[in-house]
Amino acid sequence: DLPEPVLEQRLRMLGLVLVHTAADHERRGDTSPGEDPPAWAVPF
């Protein structure tokens, strides 16, 4: 139901937010091996 240009813009933002959020948590050491899903994933 979303207009195609709006959806495309939101999907581009999603990609950027995902990469930057994951990189930020990794940089800060917020990742724990074997933690599935990572603690930050649910609010994300």
ModelCIF file with pLDDT and N, C-alpha, C, O atoms, coordinates in Angstrom:
data_MODEL
#
_entry.id   MODEL 
#
_entity.id                         1 
_entity.type                       polymer 
_entity.pdbx_number_of_molecules   1 
#
_entity_poly.entity_id                      1 
_entity_poly.type                           'polypeptide(L)' 
_entity_poly.nstd_linkage                   no 
_entity_poly.nstd_monomer                   no 
_entity_poly.pdbx_seq_one_letter_code       DLPEPVLEQRLRMLGLVLVHTAADHERRGDTSPGEDPPAWAVPF 
_entity_poly.pdbx_seq_one_letter_code_can   DLPEPVLEQRLRMLGLVLVHTAADHERRGDTSPGEDPPAWAVPF 
_entity_poly.pdbx_strand_id                 A 
#
loop_
_entity_poly_seq.entity_id 
_entity_poly_seq.num 
_entity_poly_seq.mon_id 
_entity_poly_seq.hetero 
1 1  ASP n 
1 2  LEU n 
1 3  PRO n 
1 4  GLU n 
1 5  PRO n 
1 6  VAL n 
1 7  LEU n 
1 8  GLU n 
1 9  GLN n 
1 10 ARG n 
1 11 LEU n 
1 12 ARG n 
1 13 MET n 
1 14 LEU n 
1 15 GLY n 
1 16 LEU n 
1 17 VAL n 
1 18 LEU n 
1 19 VAL n 
1 20 HIS n 
1 21 THR n 
1 22 ALA n 
1 23 ALA n 
1 24 ASP n 
1 25 HIS n 
1 26 GLU n 
1 27 ARG n 
1 28 ARG n 
1 29 GLY n 
1 30 ASP n 
1 31 THR n 
1 32 SER n 
1 33 PRO n 
1 34 GLY n 
1 35 GLU n 
1 36 ASP n 
1 37 PRO n 
1 38 PRO n 
1 39 ALA n 
1 40 TRP n 
1 41 ALA n 
1 42 VAL n 
1 43 PRO n 
1 44 PHE n 
#
_struct_asym.id          A 
_struct_asym.entity_id   1 
#
loop_
_ma_qa_metric.id 
_ma_qa_metric.mode 
_ma_qa_metric.name 
_ma_qa_metric.software_group_id 
_ma_qa_metric.type 
1 global pLDDT . pLDDT 
2 local  pLDDT . pLDDT 
#
_ma_qa_metric_global.metric_id      1 
_ma_qa_metric_global.metric_value   87.70 
_ma_qa_metric_global.model_id       1 
_ma_qa_metric_global.ordinal_id     1 
#
loop_
_ma_qa_metric_local.label_asym_id 
_ma_qa_metric_local.label_comp_id 
_ma_qa_metric_local.label_seq_id 
_ma_qa_metric_local.metric_id 
_ma_qa_metric_local.metric_value 
_ma_qa_metric_local.model_id 
_ma_qa_metric_local.ordinal_id 
A ASP 1  2 93.00 1 1  
A LEU 2  2 94.00 1 2  
A PRO 3  2 93.00 1 3  
A GLU 4  2 92.00 1 4  
A PRO 5  2 93.00 1 5  
A VAL 6  2 94.00 1 6  
A LEU 7  2 94.00 1 7  
A GLU 8  2 93.00 1 8  
A GLN 9  2 94.00 1 9  
A ARG 10 2 94.00 1 10 
A LEU 11 2 94.00 1 11 
A ARG 12 2 93.00 1 12 
A MET 13 2 94.00 1 13 
A LEU 14 2 93.00 1 14 
A GLY 15 2 91.00 1 15 
A LEU 16 2 95.00 1 16 
A VAL 17 2 94.00 1 17 
A LEU 18 2 92.00 1 18 
A VAL 19 2 93.00 1 19 
A HIS 20 2 94.00 1 20 
A THR 21 2 92.00 1 21 
A ALA 22 2 87.00 1 22 
A ALA 23 2 91.00 1 23 
A ASP 24 2 91.00 1 24 
A HIS 25 2 85.00 1 25 
A GLU 26 2 85.00 1 26 
A ARG 27 2 89.00 1 27 
A ARG 28 2 85.00 1 28 
A GLY 29 2 82.00 1 29 
A ASP 30 2 73.00 1 30 
A THR 31 2 70.00 1 31 
A SER 32 2 72.00 1 32 
A PRO 33 2 73.00 1 33 
A GLY 34 2 74.00 1 34 
A GLU 35 2 75.00 1 35 
A ASP 36 2 79.00 1 36 
A PRO 37 2 81.00 1 37 
A PRO 38 2 81.00 1 38 
A ALA 39 2 81.00 1 39 
A TRP 40 2 85.00 1 40 
A ALA 41 2 87.00 1 41 
A VAL 42 2 90.00 1 42 
A PRO 43 2 92.00 1 43 
A PHE 44 2 92.00 1 44 
#
loop_
_atom_site.group_PDB 
_atom_site.id 
_atom_site.type_symbol 
_atom_site.label_atom_id 
_atom_site.label_alt_id 
_atom_site.label_comp_id 
_atom_site.label_asym_id 
_atom_site.label_entity_id 
_atom_site.label_seq_id 
_atom_site.pdbx_PDB_ins_code 
_atom_site.Cartn_x 
_atom_site.Cartn_y 
_atom_site.Cartn_z 
_atom_site.occupancy 
_atom_site.B_iso_or_equiv 
_atom_site.pdbx_formal_charge 
_atom_site.auth_seq_id 
_atom_site.auth_comp_id 
_atom_site.auth_asym_id 
_atom_site.auth_atom_id 
_atom_site.pdbx_PDB_model_num 
ATOM 1   N N  . ASP A 1 1  ? 0.808  -1.222  0.000  1.00 93.00 ? 1  ASP A N  1 
ATOM 2   C CA . ASP A 1 1  ? 0.000  0.000   0.000  1.00 93.00 ? 1  ASP A CA 1 
ATOM 3   C C  . ASP A 1 1  ? 0.843  1.276   0.000  1.00 93.00 ? 1  ASP A C  1 
ATOM 4   O O  . ASP A 1 1  ? 0.316  2.364   -0.233 1.00 93.00 ? 1  ASP A O  1 
ATOM 5   N N  . LEU A 1 2  ? 2.152  1.153   0.260  1.00 94.00 ? 2  LEU A N  1 
ATOM 6   C CA . LEU A 1 2  ? 3.020  2.332   0.230  1.00 94.00 ? 2  LEU A CA 1 
ATOM 7   C C  . LEU A 1 2  ? 3.346  2.708   -1.210 1.00 94.00 ? 2  LEU A C  1 
ATOM 8   O O  . LEU A 1 2  ? 3.552  1.828   -2.045 1.00 94.00 ? 2  LEU A O  1 
ATOM 9   N N  . PRO A 1 3  ? 3.395  4.004   -1.513 1.00 93.00 ? 3  PRO A N  1 
ATOM 10  C CA . PRO A 1 3  ? 3.828  4.402   -2.854 1.00 93.00 ? 3  PRO A CA 1 
ATOM 11  C C  . PRO A 1 3  ? 5.249  3.878   -3.105 1.00 93.00 ? 3  PRO A C  1 
ATOM 12  O O  . PRO A 1 3  ? 6.088  3.908   -2.205 1.00 93.00 ? 3  PRO A O  1 
ATOM 13  N N  . GLU A 1 4  ? 5.513  3.409   -4.300 1.00 92.00 ? 4  GLU A N  1 
ATOM 14  C CA . GLU A 1 4  ? 6.806  2.798   -4.631 1.00 92.00 ? 4  GLU A CA 1 
ATOM 15  C C  . GLU A 1 4  ? 7.998  3.702   -4.294 1.00 92.00 ? 4  GLU A C  1 
ATOM 16  O O  . GLU A 1 4  ? 8.973  3.212   -3.724 1.00 92.00 ? 4  GLU A O  1 
ATOM 17  N N  . PRO A 1 5  ? 7.961  4.989   -4.620 1.00 93.00 ? 5  PRO A N  1 
ATOM 18  C CA . PRO A 1 5  ? 9.127  5.825   -4.273 1.00 93.00 ? 5  PRO A CA 1 
ATOM 19  C C  . PRO A 1 5  ? 9.358  5.924   -2.759 1.00 93.00 ? 5  PRO A C  1 
ATOM 20  O O  . PRO A 1 5  ? 10.503 5.965   -2.308 1.00 93.00 ? 5  PRO A O  1 
ATOM 21  N N  . VAL A 1 6  ? 8.294  5.963   -1.993 1.00 94.00 ? 6  VAL A N  1 
ATOM 22  C CA . VAL A 1 6  ? 8.418  6.019   -0.533 1.00 94.00 ? 6  VAL A CA 1 
ATOM 23  C C  . VAL A 1 6  ? 9.009  4.711   -0.018 1.00 94.00 ? 6  VAL A C  1 
ATOM 24  O O  . VAL A 1 6  ? 9.914  4.730   0.816  1.00 94.00 ? 6  VAL A O  1 
ATOM 25  N N  . LEU A 1 7  ? 8.518  3.597   -0.494 1.00 94.00 ? 7  LEU A N  1 
ATOM 26  C CA . LEU A 1 7  ? 9.031  2.295   -0.067 1.00 94.00 ? 7  LEU A CA 1 
ATOM 27  C C  . LEU A 1 7  ? 10.494 2.147   -0.443 1.00 94.00 ? 7  LEU A C  1 
ATOM 28  O O  . LEU A 1 7  ? 11.293 1.681   0.370  1.00 94.00 ? 7  LEU A O  1 
ATOM 29  N N  . GLU A 1 8  ? 10.857 2.530   -1.646 1.00 93.00 ? 8  GLU A N  1 
ATOM 30  C CA . GLU A 1 8  ? 12.257 2.417   -2.087 1.00 93.00 ? 8  GLU A CA 1 
ATOM 31  C C  . GLU A 1 8  ? 13.167 3.265   -1.205 1.00 93.00 ? 8  GLU A C  1 
ATOM 32  O O  . GLU A 1 8  ? 14.254 2.825   -0.830 1.00 93.00 ? 8  GLU A O  1 
ATOM 33  N N  . GLN A 1 9  ? 12.733 4.462   -0.877 1.00 94.00 ? 9  GLN A N  1 
ATOM 34  C CA . GLN A 1 9  ? 13.521 5.334   0.000  1.00 94.00 ? 9  GLN A CA 1 
ATOM 35  C C  . GLN A 1 9  ? 13.675 4.712   1.386  1.00 94.00 ? 9  GLN A C  1 
ATOM 36  O O  . GLN A 1 9  ? 14.761 4.745   1.964  1.00 94.00 ? 9  GLN A O  1 
ATOM 37  N N  . ARG A 1 10 ? 12.609 4.155   1.913  1.00 94.00 ? 10 ARG A N  1 
ATOM 38  C CA . ARG A 1 10 ? 12.675 3.527   3.234  1.00 94.00 ? 10 ARG A CA 1 
ATOM 39  C C  . ARG A 1 10 ? 13.566 2.291   3.226  1.00 94.00 ? 10 ARG A C  1 
ATOM 40  O O  . ARG A 1 10 ? 14.278 2.034   4.197  1.00 94.00 ? 10 ARG A O  1 
ATOM 41  N N  . LEU A 1 11 ? 13.534 1.524   2.138  1.00 94.00 ? 11 LEU A N  1 
ATOM 42  C CA . LEU A 1 11 ? 14.405 0.344   2.046  1.00 94.00 ? 11 LEU A CA 1 
ATOM 43  C C  . LEU A 1 11 ? 15.876 0.751   1.970  1.00 94.00 ? 11 LEU A C  1 
ATOM 44  O O  . LEU A 1 11 ? 16.729 0.072   2.542  1.00 94.00 ? 11 LEU A O  1 
ATOM 45  N N  . ARG A 1 12 ? 16.184 1.841   1.277  1.00 93.00 ? 12 ARG A N  1 
ATOM 46  C CA . ARG A 1 12 ? 17.567 2.340   1.242  1.00 93.00 ? 12 ARG A CA 1 
ATOM 47  C C  . ARG A 1 12 ? 18.004 2.762   2.641  1.00 93.00 ? 12 ARG A C  1 
ATOM 48  O O  . ARG A 1 12 ? 19.118 2.456   3.067  1.00 93.00 ? 12 ARG A O  1 
ATOM 49  N N  . MET A 1 13 ? 17.124 3.466   3.357  1.00 94.00 ? 13 MET A N  1 
ATOM 50  C CA . MET A 1 13 ? 17.446 3.883   4.725  1.00 94.00 ? 13 MET A CA 1 
ATOM 51  C C  . MET A 1 13 ? 17.659 2.665   5.619  1.00 94.00 ? 13 MET A C  1 
ATOM 52  O O  . MET A 1 13 ? 18.559 2.655   6.458  1.00 94.00 ? 13 MET A O  1 
ATOM 53  N N  . LEU A 1 14 ? 16.836 1.647   5.439  1.00 93.00 ? 14 LEU A N  1 
ATOM 54  C CA . LEU A 1 14 ? 16.961 0.428   6.235  1.00 93.00 ? 14 LEU A CA 1 
ATOM 55  C C  . LEU A 1 14 ? 18.356 -0.168  6.078  1.00 93.00 ? 14 LEU A C  1 
ATOM 56  O O  . LEU A 1 14 ? 18.988 -0.539  7.067  1.00 93.00 ? 14 LEU A O  1 
ATOM 57  N N  . GLY A 1 15 ? 18.832 -0.259  4.850  1.00 91.00 ? 15 GLY A N  1 
ATOM 58  C CA . GLY A 1 15 ? 20.170 -0.808  4.616  1.00 91.00 ? 15 GLY A CA 1 
ATOM 59  C C  . GLY A 1 15 ? 21.246 -0.010  5.335  1.00 91.00 ? 15 GLY A C  1 
ATOM 60  O O  . GLY A 1 15 ? 22.147 -0.581  5.948  1.00 91.00 ? 15 GLY A O  1 
ATOM 61  N N  . LEU A 1 16 ? 21.151 1.299   5.258  1.00 95.00 ? 16 LEU A N  1 
ATOM 62  C CA . LEU A 1 16 ? 22.144 2.157   5.917  1.00 95.00 ? 16 LEU A CA 1 
ATOM 63  C C  . LEU A 1 16 ? 22.077 2.024   7.435  1.00 95.00 ? 16 LEU A C  1 
ATOM 64  O O  . LEU A 1 16 ? 23.105 1.905   8.100  1.00 95.00 ? 16 LEU A O  1 
ATOM 65  N N  . VAL A 1 17 ? 20.874 2.045   7.972  1.00 94.00 ? 17 VAL A N  1 
ATOM 66  C CA . VAL A 1 17 ? 20.708 1.942   9.422  1.00 94.00 ? 17 VAL A CA 1 
ATOM 67  C C  . VAL A 1 17 ? 21.222 0.589   9.918  1.00 94.00 ? 17 VAL A C  1 
ATOM 68  O O  . VAL A 1 17 ? 21.871 0.524   10.961 1.00 94.00 ? 17 VAL A O  1 
ATOM 69  N N  . LEU A 1 18 ? 20.945 -0.470  9.200  1.00 92.00 ? 18 LEU A N  1 
ATOM 70  C CA . LEU A 1 18 ? 21.405 -1.799  9.605  1.00 92.00 ? 18 LEU A CA 1 
ATOM 71  C C  . LEU A 1 18 ? 22.928 -1.865  9.645  1.00 92.00 ? 18 LEU A C  1 
ATOM 72  O O  . LEU A 1 18 ? 23.502 -2.303  10.643 1.00 92.00 ? 18 LEU A O  1 
ATOM 73  N N  . VAL A 1 19 ? 23.580 -1.439  8.581  1.00 93.00 ? 19 VAL A N  1 
ATOM 74  C CA . VAL A 1 19 ? 25.042 -1.521  8.519  1.00 93.00 ? 19 VAL A CA 1 
ATOM 75  C C  . VAL A 1 19 ? 25.676 -0.661  9.615  1.00 93.00 ? 19 VAL A C  1 
ATOM 76  O O  . VAL A 1 19 ? 26.599 -1.106  10.297 1.00 93.00 ? 19 VAL A O  1 
ATOM 77  N N  . HIS A 1 20 ? 25.192 0.549   9.782  1.00 94.00 ? 20 HIS A N  1 
ATOM 78  C CA . HIS A 1 20 ? 25.783 1.438   10.776 1.00 94.00 ? 20 HIS A CA 1 
ATOM 79  C C  . HIS A 1 20 ? 25.508 0.966   12.208 1.00 94.00 ? 20 HIS A C  1 
ATOM 80  O O  . HIS A 1 20 ? 26.374 1.087   13.074 1.00 94.00 ? 20 HIS A O  1 
ATOM 81  N N  . THR A 1 21 ? 24.321 0.434   12.460 1.00 92.00 ? 21 THR A N  1 
ATOM 82  C CA . THR A 1 21 ? 24.000 -0.064  13.797 1.00 92.00 ? 21 THR A CA 1 
ATOM 83  C C  . THR A 1 21 ? 24.856 -1.281  14.144 1.00 92.00 ? 21 THR A C  1 
ATOM 84  O O  . THR A 1 21 ? 25.422 -1.354  15.235 1.00 92.00 ? 21 THR A O  1 
ATOM 85  N N  . ALA A 1 22 ? 24.950 -2.223  13.227 1.00 87.00 ? 22 ALA A N  1 
ATOM 86  C CA . ALA A 1 22 ? 25.764 -3.413  13.480 1.00 87.00 ? 22 ALA A CA 1 
ATOM 87  C C  . ALA A 1 22 ? 27.233 -3.036  13.669 1.00 87.00 ? 22 ALA A C  1 
ATOM 88  O O  . ALA A 1 22 ? 27.897 -3.560  14.563 1.00 87.00 ? 22 ALA A O  1 
ATOM 89  N N  . ALA A 1 23 ? 27.739 -2.136  12.836 1.00 91.00 ? 23 ALA A N  1 
ATOM 90  C CA . ALA A 1 23 ? 29.135 -1.718  12.956 1.00 91.00 ? 23 ALA A CA 1 
ATOM 91  C C  . ALA A 1 23 ? 29.388 -1.005  14.280 1.00 91.00 ? 23 ALA A C  1 
ATOM 92  O O  . ALA A 1 23 ? 30.426 -1.209  14.909 1.00 91.00 ? 23 ALA A O  1 
ATOM 93  N N  . ASP A 1 24 ? 28.452 -0.180  14.697 1.00 91.00 ? 24 ASP A N  1 
ATOM 94  C CA . ASP A 1 24 ? 28.604 0.538   15.964 1.00 91.00 ? 24 ASP A CA 1 
ATOM 95  C C  . ASP A 1 24 ? 28.660 -0.432  17.139 1.00 91.00 ? 24 ASP A C  1 
ATOM 96  O O  . ASP A 1 24 ? 29.496 -0.280  18.030 1.00 91.00 ? 24 ASP A O  1 
ATOM 97  N N  . HIS A 1 25 ? 27.787 -1.413  17.147 1.00 85.00 ? 25 HIS A N  1 
ATOM 98  C CA . HIS A 1 25 ? 27.790 -2.389  18.245 1.00 85.00 ? 25 HIS A CA 1 
ATOM 99  C C  . HIS A 1 25 ? 29.063 -3.235  18.221 1.00 85.00 ? 25 HIS A C  1 
ATOM 100 O O  . HIS A 1 25 ? 29.611 -3.563  19.273 1.00 85.00 ? 25 HIS A O  1 
ATOM 101 N N  . GLU A 1 26 ? 29.524 -3.581  17.046 1.00 85.00 ? 26 GLU A N  1 
ATOM 102 C CA . GLU A 1 26 ? 30.760 -4.362  16.959 1.00 85.00 ? 26 GLU A CA 1 
ATOM 103 C C  . GLU A 1 26 ? 31.951 -3.531  17.432 1.00 85.00 ? 26 GLU A C  1 
ATOM 104 O O  . GLU A 1 26 ? 32.812 -4.027  18.159 1.00 85.00 ? 26 GLU A O  1 
ATOM 105 N N  . ARG A 1 27 ? 31.994 -2.272  17.018 1.00 89.00 ? 27 ARG A N  1 
ATOM 106 C CA . ARG A 1 27 ? 33.088 -1.382  17.411 1.00 89.00 ? 27 ARG A CA 1 
ATOM 107 C C  . ARG A 1 27 ? 33.149 -1.229  18.933 1.00 89.00 ? 27 ARG A C  1 
ATOM 108 O O  . ARG A 1 27 ? 34.233 -1.179  19.515 1.00 89.00 ? 27 ARG A O  1 
ATOM 109 N N  . ARG A 1 28 ? 31.985 -1.156  19.567 1.00 85.00 ? 28 ARG A N  1 
ATOM 110 C CA . ARG A 1 28 ? 31.925 -0.992  21.022 1.00 85.00 ? 28 ARG A CA 1 
ATOM 111 C C  . ARG A 1 28 ? 32.087 -2.309  21.775 1.00 85.00 ? 28 ARG A C  1 
ATOM 112 O O  . ARG A 1 28 ? 32.166 -2.321  23.003 1.00 85.00 ? 28 ARG A O  1 
ATOM 113 N N  . GLY A 1 29 ? 32.137 -3.404  21.044 1.00 82.00 ? 29 GLY A N  1 
ATOM 114 C CA . GLY A 1 29 ? 32.289 -4.701  21.697 1.00 82.00 ? 29 GLY A CA 1 
ATOM 115 C C  . GLY A 1 29 ? 31.008 -5.215  22.307 1.00 82.00 ? 29 GLY A C  1 
ATOM 116 O O  . GLY A 1 29 ? 31.041 -6.008  23.248 1.00 82.00 ? 29 GLY A O  1 
ATOM 117 N N  . ASP A 1 30 ? 29.878 -4.775  21.784 1.00 73.00 ? 30 ASP A N  1 
ATOM 118 C CA . ASP A 1 30 ? 28.577 -5.195  22.313 1.00 73.00 ? 30 ASP A CA 1 
ATOM 119 C C  . ASP A 1 30 ? 28.134 -6.560  21.797 1.00 73.00 ? 30 ASP A C  1 
ATOM 120 O O  . ASP A 1 30 ? 27.014 -6.988  22.077 1.00 73.00 ? 30 ASP A O  1 
ATOM 121 N N  . THR A 1 31 ? 28.968 -7.229  21.071 1.00 70.00 ? 31 THR A N  1 
ATOM 122 C CA . THR A 1 31 ? 28.571 -8.523  20.513 1.00 70.00 ? 31 THR A CA 1 
ATOM 123 C C  . THR A 1 31 ? 29.130 -9.640  21.389 1.00 70.00 ? 31 THR A C  1 
ATOM 124 O O  . THR A 1 31 ? 30.249 -9.550  21.894 1.00 70.00 ? 31 THR A O  1 
ATOM 125 N N  . SER A 1 32 ? 28.352 -10.664 21.557 1.00 72.00 ? 32 SER A N  1 
ATOM 126 C CA . SER A 1 32 ? 28.775 -11.836 22.313 1.00 72.00 ? 32 SER A CA 1 
ATOM 127 C C  . SER A 1 32 ? 28.653 -13.049 21.419 1.00 72.00 ? 32 SER A C  1 
ATOM 128 O O  . SER A 1 32 ? 27.566 -13.339 20.919 1.00 72.00 ? 32 SER A O  1 
ATOM 129 N N  . PRO A 1 33 ? 29.752 -13.770 21.205 1.00 73.00 ? 33 PRO A N  1 
ATOM 130 C CA . PRO A 1 33 ? 29.675 -14.969 20.369 1.00 73.00 ? 33 PRO A CA 1 
ATOM 131 C C  . PRO A 1 33 ? 28.625 -15.945 20.900 1.00 73.00 ? 33 PRO A C  1 
ATOM 132 O O  . PRO A 1 33 ? 28.560 -16.213 22.100 1.00 73.00 ? 33 PRO A O  1 
ATOM 133 N N  . GLY A 1 34 ? 27.833 -16.455 20.019 1.00 74.00 ? 34 GLY A N  1 
ATOM 134 C CA . GLY A 1 34 ? 26.812 -17.425 20.397 1.00 74.00 ? 34 GLY A CA 1 
ATOM 135 C C  . GLY A 1 34 ? 25.516 -16.820 20.889 1.00 74.00 ? 34 GLY A C  1 
ATOM 136 O O  . GLY A 1 34 ? 24.537 -17.536 21.099 1.00 74.00 ? 34 GLY A O  1 
ATOM 137 N N  . GLU A 1 35 ? 25.495 -15.513 21.076 1.00 75.00 ? 35 GLU A N  1 
ATOM 138 C CA . GLU A 1 35 ? 24.260 -14.850 21.508 1.00 75.00 ? 35 GLU A CA 1 
ATOM 139 C C  . GLU A 1 35 ? 23.341 -14.740 20.298 1.00 75.00 ? 35 GLU A C  1 
ATOM 140 O O  . GLU A 1 35 ? 23.674 -14.070 19.321 1.00 75.00 ? 35 GLU A O  1 
ATOM 141 N N  . ASP A 1 36 ? 22.187 -15.395 20.361 1.00 79.00 ? 36 ASP A N  1 
ATOM 142 C CA . ASP A 1 36 ? 21.307 -15.457 19.197 1.00 79.00 ? 36 ASP A CA 1 
ATOM 143 C C  . ASP A 1 36 ? 19.879 -15.144 19.593 1.00 79.00 ? 36 ASP A C  1 
ATOM 144 O O  . ASP A 1 36 ? 19.273 -15.966 20.280 1.00 79.00 ? 36 ASP A O  1 
ATOM 145 N N  . PRO A 1 37 ? 19.312 -14.047 19.223 1.00 81.00 ? 37 PRO A N  1 
ATOM 146 C CA . PRO A 1 37 ? 19.938 -12.952 18.480 1.00 81.00 ? 37 PRO A CA 1 
ATOM 147 C C  . PRO A 1 37 ? 20.727 -12.055 19.418 1.00 81.00 ? 37 PRO A C  1 
ATOM 148 O O  . PRO A 1 37 ? 20.551 -12.122 20.635 1.00 81.00 ? 37 PRO A O  1 
ATOM 149 N N  . PRO A 1 38 ? 21.609 -11.203 18.858 1.00 81.00 ? 38 PRO A N  1 
ATOM 150 C CA . PRO A 1 38 ? 22.327 -10.258 19.717 1.00 81.00 ? 38 PRO A CA 1 
ATOM 151 C C  . PRO A 1 38 ? 21.326 -9.388  20.483 1.00 81.00 ? 38 PRO A C  1 
ATOM 152 O O  . PRO A 1 38 ? 20.224 -9.136  19.995 1.00 81.00 ? 38 PRO A O  1 
ATOM 153 N N  . ALA A 1 39 ? 21.701 -8.938  21.660 1.00 81.00 ? 39 ALA A N  1 
ATOM 154 C CA . ALA A 1 39 ? 20.793 -8.163  22.511 1.00 81.00 ? 39 ALA A CA 1 
ATOM 155 C C  . ALA A 1 39 ? 20.256 -6.923  21.806 1.00 81.00 ? 39 ALA A C  1 
ATOM 156 O O  . ALA A 1 39 ? 19.122 -6.519  22.061 1.00 81.00 ? 39 ALA A O  1 
ATOM 157 N N  . TRP A 1 40 ? 21.039 -6.318  20.934 1.00 85.00 ? 40 TRP A N  1 
ATOM 158 C CA . TRP A 1 40 ? 20.592 -5.098  20.259 1.00 85.00 ? 40 TRP A CA 1 
ATOM 159 C C  . TRP A 1 40 ? 19.626 -5.388  19.115 1.00 85.00 ? 40 TRP A C  1 
ATOM 160 O O  . TRP A 1 40 ? 18.974 -4.466  18.624 1.00 85.00 ? 40 TRP A O  1 
ATOM 161 N N  . ALA A 1 41 ? 19.517 -6.626  18.681 1.00 87.00 ? 41 ALA A N  1 
ATOM 162 C CA . ALA A 1 41 ? 18.712 -6.951  17.495 1.00 87.00 ? 41 ALA A CA 1 
ATOM 163 C C  . ALA A 1 41 ? 17.212 -6.777  17.740 1.00 87.00 ? 41 ALA A C  1 
ATOM 164 O O  . ALA A 1 41 ? 16.498 -6.336  16.840 1.00 87.00 ? 41 ALA A O  1 
ATOM 165 N N  . VAL A 1 42 ? 16.727 -7.107  18.915 1.00 90.00 ? 42 VAL A N  1 
ATOM 166 C CA . VAL A 1 42 ? 15.285 -7.031  19.173 1.00 90.00 ? 42 VAL A CA 1 
ATOM 167 C C  . VAL A 1 42 ? 14.785 -5.585  19.108 1.00 90.00 ? 42 VAL A C  1 
ATOM 168 O O  . VAL A 1 42 ? 13.812 -5.319  18.401 1.00 90.00 ? 42 VAL A O  1 
ATOM 169 N N  . PRO A 1 43 ? 15.415 -4.639  19.821 1.00 92.00 ? 43 PRO A N  1 
ATOM 170 C CA . PRO A 1 43 ? 14.948 -3.261  19.667 1.00 92.00 ? 43 PRO A CA 1 
ATOM 171 C C  . PRO A 1 43 ? 15.196 -2.710  18.266 1.00 92.00 ? 43 PRO A C  1 
ATOM 172 O O  . PRO A 1 43 ? 14.457 -1.841  17.803 1.00 92.00 ? 43 PRO A O  1 
ATOM 173 N N  . PHE A 1 44 ? 16.218 -3.202  17.597 1.00 92.00 ? 44 PHE A N  1 
ATOM 174 C CA . PHE A 1 44 ? 16.473 -2.777  16.217 1.00 92.00 ? 44 PHE A CA 1 
ATOM 175 C C  . PHE A 1 44 ? 15.313 -3.187  15.312 1.00 92.00 ? 44 PHE A C  1 
ATOM 176 O O  . PHE A 1 44 ? 15.342 -2.917  14.111 1.00 92.00 ? 44 PHE A O  1 
#
